[in-house]
Amino acid sequence: MTELPSDAWPTAPIRTERLVLRASEARDRAAFIELFASPEVGTYTGGSRPRAELERAVPEVPGQRPGLFVVELDGSMVGMVTLDRRGAERPGHVRPDGGETELGYLFLPEAWGYGYAAEACTAALGWFAGALPDEPVVLCTQTANTRAMRLAAKLGFTEADRFEEWGAEQWFGVLATPPVTP
């Protein structure tokens, strides 16, 4: 993966019709803890983590790294979108040496079902296509996660592979064409 240009991150906030994608701030800490402690969120991501462990481990300003967007609705964090390098040791690649950019996202359960994930992922992918236009983007999800499978198709990902990882069948898709940012 080509690294983000030094002037590309942190990016200025990205505004959509309903959301703001921005860098993490101290006020997001409680929402990060809630996200990773939620049994519903953890269903397809390896399980939730104990709240007490998260209270000790999560820094004052969590998620401060290139490629992580906090998704804000009406002034509060409702989720996050990530654009990270996919590890070469993992199955599923479009390049022989791996290292593609992988889209990930997590949203608090109360934000599910409103189209926020589609809106936020579309905005992040649009930004990324502008920053690194020739970089392939991949997405991996459990085939049992029907909501994530529908979102992958809606975003324009097409199936490239299926494999077993973390004790479940995984769907691996490649973004055909970056979506148009709303």
N, C-alpha and C. Protein backbone atom coordinates (compact mmCIF):
# COMPACT_ATOMS: atom_id res chain seq x y z
N MET A 1 0.85 -1.18 0.00
CA MET A 1 0.00 0.00 0.00
C MET A 1 0.88 1.23 0.00
N THR A 2 0.53 2.17 -0.79
CA THR A 2 1.17 3.46 -0.76
C THR A 2 0.71 4.15 0.51
N GLU A 3 1.64 4.78 1.21
CA GLU A 3 1.27 5.47 2.44
C GLU A 3 0.48 6.74 2.11
N LEU A 4 -0.36 7.15 3.06
CA LEU A 4 -1.08 8.40 2.87
C LEU A 4 -0.09 9.54 2.79
N PRO A 5 -0.28 10.47 1.88
CA PRO A 5 0.60 11.63 1.83
C PRO A 5 0.58 12.34 3.18
N SER A 6 1.72 12.86 3.61
CA SER A 6 1.81 13.46 4.94
C SER A 6 0.81 14.61 5.13
N ASP A 7 0.44 15.26 4.06
CA ASP A 7 -0.52 16.36 4.19
C ASP A 7 -1.97 15.88 4.10
N ALA A 8 -2.17 14.56 3.91
CA ALA A 8 -3.53 14.03 3.76
C ALA A 8 -4.16 13.65 5.10
N TRP A 9 -3.35 13.51 6.16
CA TRP A 9 -3.90 13.09 7.45
C TRP A 9 -3.26 13.87 8.57
N PRO A 10 -3.98 14.39 9.51
CA PRO A 10 -5.42 14.19 9.59
C PRO A 10 -6.14 15.04 8.55
N THR A 11 -7.15 14.47 8.02
CA THR A 11 -7.94 15.16 7.02
C THR A 11 -8.87 16.17 7.70
N ALA A 12 -9.26 17.17 6.97
CA ALA A 12 -10.30 18.07 7.48
C ALA A 12 -11.58 17.25 7.61
N PRO A 13 -12.48 17.61 8.51
CA PRO A 13 -13.72 16.85 8.63
C PRO A 13 -14.44 16.72 7.28
N ILE A 14 -15.00 15.55 7.06
CA ILE A 14 -15.78 15.28 5.86
C ILE A 14 -17.24 15.35 6.26
N ARG A 15 -18.00 16.17 5.59
CA ARG A 15 -19.41 16.32 5.91
C ARG A 15 -20.26 15.66 4.83
N THR A 16 -21.24 14.89 5.30
CA THR A 16 -22.22 14.30 4.39
C THR A 16 -23.56 14.94 4.71
N GLU A 17 -24.61 14.42 4.15
CA GLU A 17 -25.93 14.99 4.41
C GLU A 17 -26.28 14.97 5.90
N ARG A 18 -25.90 13.88 6.60
CA ARG A 18 -26.29 13.74 8.01
C ARG A 18 -25.13 13.59 8.98
N LEU A 19 -23.95 13.30 8.46
CA LEU A 19 -22.83 12.90 9.31
C LEU A 19 -21.61 13.79 9.14
N VAL A 20 -20.70 13.67 10.11
CA VAL A 20 -19.38 14.28 10.02
C VAL A 20 -18.38 13.17 10.28
N LEU A 21 -17.40 13.01 9.40
CA LEU A 21 -16.29 12.08 9.61
C LEU A 21 -15.09 12.93 9.98
N ARG A 22 -14.49 12.61 11.13
CA ARG A 22 -13.42 13.45 11.65
C ARG A 22 -12.43 12.61 12.44
N ALA A 23 -11.34 13.25 12.84
CA ALA A 23 -10.36 12.60 13.71
C ALA A 23 -10.97 12.45 15.10
N SER A 24 -10.45 11.49 15.85
CA SER A 24 -10.91 11.23 17.21
C SER A 24 -10.54 12.37 18.15
N GLU A 25 -11.38 12.54 19.17
CA GLU A 25 -11.16 13.55 20.21
C GLU A 25 -11.40 12.90 21.57
N ALA A 26 -10.98 13.55 22.63
CA ALA A 26 -11.16 13.02 23.99
C ALA A 26 -12.63 12.73 24.30
N ARG A 27 -13.54 13.54 23.78
CA ARG A 27 -14.97 13.35 24.06
C ARG A 27 -15.53 12.05 23.48
N ASP A 28 -14.76 11.35 22.63
CA ASP A 28 -15.20 10.11 22.00
C ASP A 28 -14.88 8.87 22.84
N ARG A 29 -14.12 9.04 23.92
CA ARG A 29 -13.64 7.88 24.69
C ARG A 29 -14.78 6.97 25.15
N ALA A 30 -15.82 7.51 25.72
CA ALA A 30 -16.94 6.70 26.22
C ALA A 30 -17.60 5.91 25.08
N ALA A 31 -17.73 6.52 23.93
CA ALA A 31 -18.35 5.83 22.79
C ALA A 31 -17.44 4.71 22.28
N PHE A 32 -16.11 4.91 22.27
CA PHE A 32 -15.18 3.84 21.88
C PHE A 32 -15.33 2.66 22.83
N ILE A 33 -15.41 2.94 24.13
CA ILE A 33 -15.56 1.86 25.12
C ILE A 33 -16.88 1.14 24.89
N GLU A 34 -17.95 1.87 24.68
CA GLU A 34 -19.25 1.26 24.43
C GLU A 34 -19.22 0.39 23.17
N LEU A 35 -18.57 0.87 22.14
CA LEU A 35 -18.47 0.14 20.87
C LEU A 35 -17.79 -1.21 21.06
N PHE A 36 -16.65 -1.22 21.74
CA PHE A 36 -15.89 -2.46 21.89
C PHE A 36 -16.43 -3.35 23.01
N ALA A 37 -17.24 -2.83 23.92
CA ALA A 37 -17.85 -3.63 24.98
C ALA A 37 -19.19 -4.22 24.55
N SER A 38 -19.76 -3.73 23.47
CA SER A 38 -21.10 -4.15 23.03
C SER A 38 -21.11 -5.59 22.51
N PRO A 39 -21.92 -6.46 23.11
CA PRO A 39 -22.04 -7.83 22.60
C PRO A 39 -22.60 -7.87 21.18
N GLU A 40 -23.51 -6.94 20.85
CA GLU A 40 -24.08 -6.91 19.50
C GLU A 40 -23.01 -6.56 18.47
N VAL A 41 -22.20 -5.56 18.77
CA VAL A 41 -21.13 -5.16 17.85
C VAL A 41 -20.12 -6.29 17.70
N GLY A 42 -19.84 -7.00 18.79
CA GLY A 42 -18.86 -8.06 18.77
C GLY A 42 -19.30 -9.36 18.13
N THR A 43 -20.57 -9.47 17.74
CA THR A 43 -21.09 -10.71 17.18
C THR A 43 -20.24 -11.26 16.04
N TYR A 44 -19.83 -10.42 15.11
CA TYR A 44 -19.07 -10.88 13.94
C TYR A 44 -17.63 -10.39 13.94
N THR A 45 -17.18 -9.88 15.08
CA THR A 45 -15.81 -9.34 15.13
C THR A 45 -14.96 -9.99 16.21
N GLY A 46 -15.32 -11.19 16.60
CA GLY A 46 -14.51 -11.89 17.59
C GLY A 46 -14.97 -11.71 19.02
N GLY A 47 -16.10 -11.06 19.23
CA GLY A 47 -16.64 -10.90 20.57
C GLY A 47 -16.34 -9.54 21.18
N SER A 48 -17.10 -9.23 22.21
CA SER A 48 -16.91 -7.96 22.91
C SER A 48 -15.77 -8.13 23.92
N ARG A 49 -15.30 -7.00 24.43
CA ARG A 49 -14.25 -6.99 25.46
C ARG A 49 -14.87 -6.51 26.77
N PRO A 50 -14.36 -6.96 27.89
CA PRO A 50 -14.90 -6.52 29.18
C PRO A 50 -14.75 -5.00 29.36
N ARG A 51 -15.81 -4.38 29.82
CA ARG A 51 -15.82 -2.93 30.00
C ARG A 51 -14.69 -2.46 30.93
N ALA A 52 -14.45 -3.19 32.04
CA ALA A 52 -13.40 -2.80 32.99
C ALA A 52 -12.03 -2.81 32.32
N GLU A 53 -11.79 -3.81 31.47
CA GLU A 53 -10.52 -3.88 30.73
C GLU A 53 -10.38 -2.68 29.79
N LEU A 54 -11.47 -2.33 29.11
CA LEU A 54 -11.45 -1.19 28.19
C LEU A 54 -11.24 0.12 28.94
N GLU A 55 -11.87 0.26 30.10
CA GLU A 55 -11.70 1.48 30.90
C GLU A 55 -10.23 1.71 31.25
N ARG A 56 -9.51 0.61 31.51
CA ARG A 56 -8.08 0.71 31.82
C ARG A 56 -7.23 0.93 30.57
N ALA A 57 -7.61 0.32 29.45
CA ALA A 57 -6.76 0.28 28.27
C ALA A 57 -6.95 1.42 27.27
N VAL A 58 -8.16 1.92 27.16
CA VAL A 58 -8.45 2.94 26.14
C VAL A 58 -7.83 4.27 26.58
N PRO A 59 -6.99 4.86 25.70
CA PRO A 59 -6.34 6.13 26.07
C PRO A 59 -7.34 7.29 26.14
N GLU A 60 -6.87 8.38 26.69
CA GLU A 60 -7.72 9.57 26.84
C GLU A 60 -8.30 10.02 25.50
N VAL A 61 -7.48 9.98 24.46
CA VAL A 61 -7.96 10.27 23.10
C VAL A 61 -7.74 9.00 22.28
N PRO A 62 -8.77 8.17 22.16
CA PRO A 62 -8.62 6.89 21.45
C PRO A 62 -8.62 7.05 19.94
N GLY A 63 -8.06 6.07 19.26
CA GLY A 63 -8.17 6.02 17.81
C GLY A 63 -7.46 7.10 17.04
N GLN A 64 -6.43 7.70 17.61
CA GLN A 64 -5.71 8.75 16.89
C GLN A 64 -4.65 8.11 16.00
N ARG A 65 -5.04 7.82 14.78
CA ARG A 65 -4.10 7.25 13.82
C ARG A 65 -4.60 7.51 12.41
N PRO A 66 -3.69 7.56 11.46
CA PRO A 66 -4.12 7.74 10.07
C PRO A 66 -5.08 6.63 9.65
N GLY A 67 -6.11 7.03 8.95
CA GLY A 67 -7.07 6.07 8.42
C GLY A 67 -8.26 5.78 9.30
N LEU A 68 -8.34 6.35 10.50
CA LEU A 68 -9.49 6.13 11.37
C LEU A 68 -10.33 7.39 11.42
N PHE A 69 -11.57 7.25 11.01
CA PHE A 69 -12.53 8.35 11.06
C PHE A 69 -13.57 8.05 12.14
N VAL A 70 -13.79 8.98 13.03
CA VAL A 70 -14.94 8.92 13.93
C VAL A 70 -16.13 9.38 13.10
N VAL A 71 -17.25 8.68 13.24
CA VAL A 71 -18.49 9.08 12.56
C VAL A 71 -19.38 9.73 13.61
N GLU A 72 -19.70 10.99 13.36
CA GLU A 72 -20.47 11.80 14.30
C GLU A 72 -21.84 12.11 13.71
N LEU A 73 -22.85 11.98 14.57
CA LEU A 73 -24.23 12.35 14.23
C LEU A 73 -24.72 13.30 15.30
N ASP A 74 -25.15 14.47 14.91
CA ASP A 74 -25.68 15.46 15.85
C ASP A 74 -24.74 15.69 17.04
N GLY A 75 -23.44 15.76 16.76
CA GLY A 75 -22.46 16.09 17.78
C GLY A 75 -21.93 14.93 18.61
N SER A 76 -22.42 13.70 18.37
CA SER A 76 -21.96 12.54 19.14
C SER A 76 -21.45 11.44 18.23
N MET A 77 -20.44 10.73 18.72
CA MET A 77 -19.90 9.60 17.97
C MET A 77 -20.91 8.46 17.94
N VAL A 78 -21.18 7.94 16.73
CA VAL A 78 -22.07 6.78 16.58
C VAL A 78 -21.33 5.59 15.98
N GLY A 79 -20.09 5.81 15.53
CA GLY A 79 -19.34 4.71 14.93
C GLY A 79 -18.00 5.19 14.44
N MET A 80 -17.35 4.29 13.69
CA MET A 80 -16.05 4.62 13.12
C MET A 80 -15.88 3.88 11.81
N VAL A 81 -15.08 4.48 10.94
CA VAL A 81 -14.70 3.87 9.66
C VAL A 81 -13.19 3.87 9.62
N THR A 82 -12.63 2.74 9.17
CA THR A 82 -11.17 2.63 9.09
C THR A 82 -10.73 2.26 7.69
N LEU A 83 -9.57 2.75 7.33
CA LEU A 83 -8.89 2.38 6.09
C LEU A 83 -7.48 1.97 6.52
N ASP A 84 -7.24 0.66 6.58
CA ASP A 84 -5.99 0.11 7.10
C ASP A 84 -5.34 -0.81 6.08
N ARG A 85 -4.05 -1.02 6.27
CA ARG A 85 -3.32 -1.98 5.45
C ARG A 85 -3.73 -3.39 5.86
N ARG A 86 -4.10 -4.22 4.90
CA ARG A 86 -4.43 -5.63 5.18
C ARG A 86 -3.12 -6.40 5.29
N GLY A 87 -2.94 -7.06 6.41
CA GLY A 87 -1.71 -7.80 6.67
C GLY A 87 -1.42 -8.86 5.62
N ALA A 88 -0.19 -8.92 5.16
CA ALA A 88 0.22 -9.88 4.14
C ALA A 88 0.06 -11.32 4.60
N GLU A 89 0.10 -11.56 5.92
CA GLU A 89 -0.01 -12.91 6.45
C GLU A 89 -1.45 -13.43 6.43
N ARG A 90 -2.41 -12.56 6.25
CA ARG A 90 -3.82 -12.97 6.24
C ARG A 90 -4.23 -13.47 4.86
N PRO A 91 -5.22 -14.35 4.80
CA PRO A 91 -5.72 -14.77 3.48
C PRO A 91 -6.50 -13.64 2.82
N GLY A 92 -6.63 -13.70 1.51
CA GLY A 92 -7.40 -12.71 0.78
C GLY A 92 -6.59 -11.51 0.36
N HIS A 93 -6.17 -11.51 -0.89
CA HIS A 93 -5.40 -10.39 -1.44
C HIS A 93 -5.65 -10.24 -2.93
N VAL A 94 -5.41 -9.04 -3.44
CA VAL A 94 -5.47 -8.81 -4.88
C VAL A 94 -4.08 -8.57 -5.44
N ARG A 95 -3.11 -8.38 -4.56
CA ARG A 95 -1.72 -8.21 -4.96
C ARG A 95 -0.94 -9.42 -4.44
N PRO A 96 0.06 -9.88 -5.16
CA PRO A 96 0.83 -11.03 -4.70
C PRO A 96 1.47 -10.81 -3.33
N ASP A 97 1.91 -9.59 -3.04
CA ASP A 97 2.57 -9.32 -1.77
C ASP A 97 1.63 -8.74 -0.71
N GLY A 98 0.33 -8.63 -1.02
CA GLY A 98 -0.65 -8.12 -0.06
C GLY A 98 -0.49 -6.64 0.17
N GLY A 99 -0.94 -6.19 1.34
CA GLY A 99 -0.80 -4.79 1.72
C GLY A 99 -1.84 -3.86 1.13
N GLU A 100 -2.96 -4.40 0.64
CA GLU A 100 -4.00 -3.53 0.10
C GLU A 100 -4.66 -2.73 1.23
N THR A 101 -5.39 -1.72 0.87
CA THR A 101 -6.14 -0.95 1.84
C THR A 101 -7.45 -1.66 2.09
N GLU A 102 -7.76 -1.87 3.37
CA GLU A 102 -8.98 -2.58 3.75
C GLU A 102 -9.93 -1.63 4.46
N LEU A 103 -11.17 -1.60 4.00
CA LEU A 103 -12.22 -0.81 4.62
C LEU A 103 -12.81 -1.60 5.78
N GLY A 104 -12.94 -0.94 6.92
CA GLY A 104 -13.61 -1.52 8.07
C GLY A 104 -14.53 -0.49 8.70
N TYR A 105 -15.49 -0.95 9.46
CA TYR A 105 -16.40 -0.02 10.13
C TYR A 105 -17.07 -0.71 11.30
N LEU A 106 -17.40 0.05 12.32
CA LEU A 106 -18.17 -0.40 13.46
C LEU A 106 -19.11 0.73 13.86
N PHE A 107 -20.34 0.38 14.17
CA PHE A 107 -21.32 1.37 14.61
C PHE A 107 -22.03 0.88 15.86
N LEU A 108 -22.38 1.81 16.73
CA LEU A 108 -23.16 1.46 17.92
C LEU A 108 -24.51 0.89 17.48
N PRO A 109 -25.03 -0.11 18.19
CA PRO A 109 -26.29 -0.73 17.77
C PRO A 109 -27.45 0.24 17.58
N GLU A 110 -27.51 1.31 18.37
CA GLU A 110 -28.62 2.27 18.21
C GLU A 110 -28.53 3.05 16.89
N ALA A 111 -27.40 2.95 16.21
CA ALA A 111 -27.23 3.63 14.91
C ALA A 111 -27.47 2.68 13.73
N TRP A 112 -27.77 1.43 14.00
CA TRP A 112 -27.99 0.45 12.94
C TRP A 112 -29.34 0.67 12.26
N GLY A 113 -29.39 0.41 10.97
CA GLY A 113 -30.65 0.42 10.24
C GLY A 113 -31.06 1.77 9.67
N TYR A 114 -30.20 2.78 9.77
CA TYR A 114 -30.54 4.11 9.27
C TYR A 114 -29.73 4.52 8.04
N GLY A 115 -28.86 3.64 7.57
CA GLY A 115 -28.04 3.97 6.41
C GLY A 115 -26.78 4.76 6.74
N TYR A 116 -26.46 4.91 8.02
CA TYR A 116 -25.28 5.68 8.40
C TYR A 116 -23.99 5.01 7.94
N ALA A 117 -23.92 3.69 8.03
CA ALA A 117 -22.70 2.99 7.61
C ALA A 117 -22.46 3.20 6.12
N ALA A 118 -23.50 3.08 5.31
CA ALA A 118 -23.35 3.30 3.87
C ALA A 118 -22.91 4.73 3.58
N GLU A 119 -23.52 5.68 4.25
CA GLU A 119 -23.20 7.09 4.04
C GLU A 119 -21.76 7.40 4.44
N ALA A 120 -21.36 6.88 5.61
CA ALA A 120 -20.01 7.15 6.11
C ALA A 120 -18.95 6.43 5.27
N CYS A 121 -19.19 5.17 4.93
CA CYS A 121 -18.21 4.42 4.12
C CYS A 121 -18.07 5.04 2.73
N THR A 122 -19.17 5.46 2.14
CA THR A 122 -19.11 6.12 0.83
C THR A 122 -18.25 7.38 0.91
N ALA A 123 -18.44 8.16 1.96
CA ALA A 123 -17.66 9.39 2.12
C ALA A 123 -16.18 9.08 2.32
N ALA A 124 -15.86 8.10 3.16
CA ALA A 124 -14.46 7.74 3.40
C ALA A 124 -13.80 7.19 2.14
N LEU A 125 -14.53 6.36 1.40
CA LEU A 125 -13.98 5.81 0.16
C LEU A 125 -13.79 6.90 -0.89
N GLY A 126 -14.70 7.85 -0.95
CA GLY A 126 -14.55 8.98 -1.87
C GLY A 126 -13.32 9.80 -1.53
N TRP A 127 -13.13 10.06 -0.24
CA TRP A 127 -11.93 10.79 0.20
C TRP A 127 -10.67 10.02 -0.17
N PHE A 128 -10.67 8.72 0.11
CA PHE A 128 -9.50 7.89 -0.15
C PHE A 128 -9.17 7.85 -1.64
N ALA A 129 -10.19 7.76 -2.48
CA ALA A 129 -9.98 7.73 -3.94
C ALA A 129 -9.33 9.02 -4.41
N GLY A 130 -9.64 10.12 -3.75
CA GLY A 130 -8.99 11.39 -4.08
C GLY A 130 -7.55 11.46 -3.59
N ALA A 131 -7.29 10.86 -2.41
CA ALA A 131 -5.94 10.89 -1.84
C ALA A 131 -5.00 9.91 -2.52
N LEU A 132 -5.50 8.71 -2.84
CA LEU A 132 -4.70 7.65 -3.48
C LEU A 132 -5.55 6.99 -4.57
N PRO A 133 -5.68 7.64 -5.71
CA PRO A 133 -6.63 7.19 -6.72
C PRO A 133 -6.38 5.80 -7.31
N ASP A 134 -5.17 5.32 -7.31
CA ASP A 134 -4.89 4.02 -7.94
C ASP A 134 -4.76 2.88 -6.94
N GLU A 135 -5.05 3.15 -5.68
CA GLU A 135 -4.89 2.15 -4.63
C GLU A 135 -6.11 1.24 -4.55
N PRO A 136 -5.94 -0.09 -4.64
CA PRO A 136 -7.09 -0.99 -4.50
C PRO A 136 -7.62 -0.99 -3.07
N VAL A 137 -8.93 -1.16 -2.93
CA VAL A 137 -9.56 -1.22 -1.63
C VAL A 137 -10.30 -2.55 -1.53
N VAL A 138 -10.13 -3.23 -0.40
CA VAL A 138 -10.77 -4.52 -0.18
C VAL A 138 -11.62 -4.45 1.09
N LEU A 139 -12.48 -5.43 1.23
CA LEU A 139 -13.35 -5.53 2.40
C LEU A 139 -13.51 -7.01 2.70
N CYS A 140 -13.49 -7.37 3.98
CA CYS A 140 -13.67 -8.76 4.38
C CYS A 140 -14.70 -8.81 5.49
N THR A 141 -15.66 -9.75 5.39
CA THR A 141 -16.68 -9.91 6.43
C THR A 141 -17.10 -11.36 6.47
N GLN A 142 -17.65 -11.76 7.60
CA GLN A 142 -18.19 -13.11 7.70
C GLN A 142 -19.40 -13.22 6.78
N THR A 143 -19.51 -14.36 6.09
CA THR A 143 -20.68 -14.57 5.22
C THR A 143 -21.97 -14.60 6.05
N ALA A 144 -21.88 -14.94 7.32
CA ALA A 144 -23.07 -14.95 8.18
C ALA A 144 -23.58 -13.55 8.49
N ASN A 145 -22.76 -12.53 8.28
CA ASN A 145 -23.16 -11.15 8.56
C ASN A 145 -23.89 -10.59 7.34
N THR A 146 -25.17 -10.89 7.26
CA THR A 146 -25.95 -10.52 6.07
C THR A 146 -26.03 -9.01 5.86
N ARG A 147 -26.07 -8.24 6.94
CA ARG A 147 -26.10 -6.78 6.80
C ARG A 147 -24.82 -6.27 6.15
N ALA A 148 -23.67 -6.79 6.59
CA ALA A 148 -22.39 -6.37 6.02
C ALA A 148 -22.27 -6.82 4.57
N MET A 149 -22.81 -7.98 4.25
CA MET A 149 -22.78 -8.46 2.86
C MET A 149 -23.60 -7.53 1.95
N ARG A 150 -24.76 -7.11 2.43
CA ARG A 150 -25.59 -6.18 1.64
C ARG A 150 -24.89 -4.84 1.46
N LEU A 151 -24.26 -4.35 2.54
CA LEU A 151 -23.56 -3.07 2.45
C LEU A 151 -22.38 -3.17 1.48
N ALA A 152 -21.65 -4.26 1.51
CA ALA A 152 -20.52 -4.44 0.59
C ALA A 152 -21.00 -4.33 -0.86
N ALA A 153 -22.10 -4.99 -1.17
CA ALA A 153 -22.64 -4.92 -2.53
C ALA A 153 -23.09 -3.50 -2.87
N LYS A 154 -23.75 -2.84 -1.92
CA LYS A 154 -24.22 -1.47 -2.13
C LYS A 154 -23.07 -0.51 -2.40
N LEU A 155 -21.94 -0.74 -1.71
CA LEU A 155 -20.76 0.13 -1.88
C LEU A 155 -20.00 -0.16 -3.17
N GLY A 156 -20.29 -1.27 -3.83
CA GLY A 156 -19.62 -1.59 -5.09
C GLY A 156 -18.52 -2.62 -4.98
N PHE A 157 -18.47 -3.37 -3.87
CA PHE A 157 -17.48 -4.43 -3.74
C PHE A 157 -18.00 -5.68 -4.43
N THR A 158 -17.11 -6.37 -5.13
CA THR A 158 -17.46 -7.63 -5.78
C THR A 158 -16.61 -8.75 -5.18
N GLU A 159 -17.21 -9.91 -5.09
CA GLU A 159 -16.54 -11.05 -4.47
C GLU A 159 -15.30 -11.45 -5.25
N ALA A 160 -14.20 -11.63 -4.50
CA ALA A 160 -12.95 -12.09 -5.08
C ALA A 160 -12.54 -13.45 -4.51
N ASP A 161 -13.04 -13.75 -3.29
CA ASP A 161 -12.63 -14.99 -2.65
C ASP A 161 -13.51 -15.26 -1.44
N ARG A 162 -13.51 -16.51 -1.00
CA ARG A 162 -14.08 -16.92 0.27
C ARG A 162 -13.09 -17.86 0.92
N PHE A 163 -12.97 -17.77 2.23
CA PHE A 163 -12.03 -18.62 2.95
C PHE A 163 -12.44 -18.70 4.40
N GLU A 164 -11.84 -19.64 5.09
CA GLU A 164 -12.08 -19.83 6.52
C GLU A 164 -11.04 -19.03 7.30
N GLU A 165 -11.49 -18.22 8.24
CA GLU A 165 -10.60 -17.47 9.12
C GLU A 165 -11.36 -17.19 10.41
N TRP A 166 -10.68 -17.28 11.54
CA TRP A 166 -11.29 -17.04 12.85
C TRP A 166 -12.51 -17.93 13.10
N GLY A 167 -12.46 -19.14 12.57
CA GLY A 167 -13.52 -20.10 12.82
C GLY A 167 -14.82 -19.85 12.07
N ALA A 168 -14.77 -19.05 11.02
CA ALA A 168 -15.98 -18.76 10.25
C ALA A 168 -15.63 -18.52 8.79
N GLU A 169 -16.61 -18.74 7.91
CA GLU A 169 -16.41 -18.45 6.50
C GLU A 169 -16.39 -16.93 6.29
N GLN A 170 -15.38 -16.46 5.57
CA GLN A 170 -15.20 -15.04 5.29
C GLN A 170 -15.46 -14.76 3.81
N TRP A 171 -16.06 -13.62 3.56
CA TRP A 171 -16.27 -13.12 2.20
C TRP A 171 -15.26 -12.01 1.98
N PHE A 172 -14.52 -12.09 0.88
CA PHE A 172 -13.49 -11.10 0.57
C PHE A 172 -13.87 -10.43 -0.73
N GLY A 173 -14.02 -9.10 -0.70
CA GLY A 173 -14.43 -8.36 -1.89
C GLY A 173 -13.46 -7.26 -2.25
N VAL A 174 -13.51 -6.86 -3.50
CA VAL A 174 -12.66 -5.79 -4.04
C VAL A 174 -13.57 -4.70 -4.58
N LEU A 175 -13.22 -3.45 -4.29
CA LEU A 175 -14.01 -2.32 -4.79
C LEU A 175 -13.73 -2.13 -6.26
N ALA A 176 -14.79 -2.23 -7.05
CA ALA A 176 -14.65 -2.10 -8.50
C ALA A 176 -14.36 -0.65 -8.89
N THR A 177 -15.20 0.24 -8.45
CA THR A 177 -15.05 1.66 -8.75
C THR A 177 -15.38 2.44 -7.49
N PRO A 178 -14.55 3.40 -7.10
CA PRO A 178 -14.87 4.16 -5.88
C PRO A 178 -16.23 4.85 -6.02
N PRO A 179 -17.01 4.84 -4.93
CA PRO A 179 -18.31 5.49 -4.98
C PRO A 179 -18.17 7.01 -5.05
N VAL A 180 -19.20 7.64 -5.52
CA VAL A 180 -19.23 9.09 -5.59
C VAL A 180 -19.61 9.61 -4.21
N THR A 181 -18.81 10.51 -3.68
CA THR A 181 -19.09 11.07 -2.35
C THR A 181 -20.36 11.91 -2.41
N PRO A 182 -21.28 11.68 -1.45
CA PRO A 182 -22.53 12.46 -1.45
C PRO A 182 -22.29 13.92 -1.16
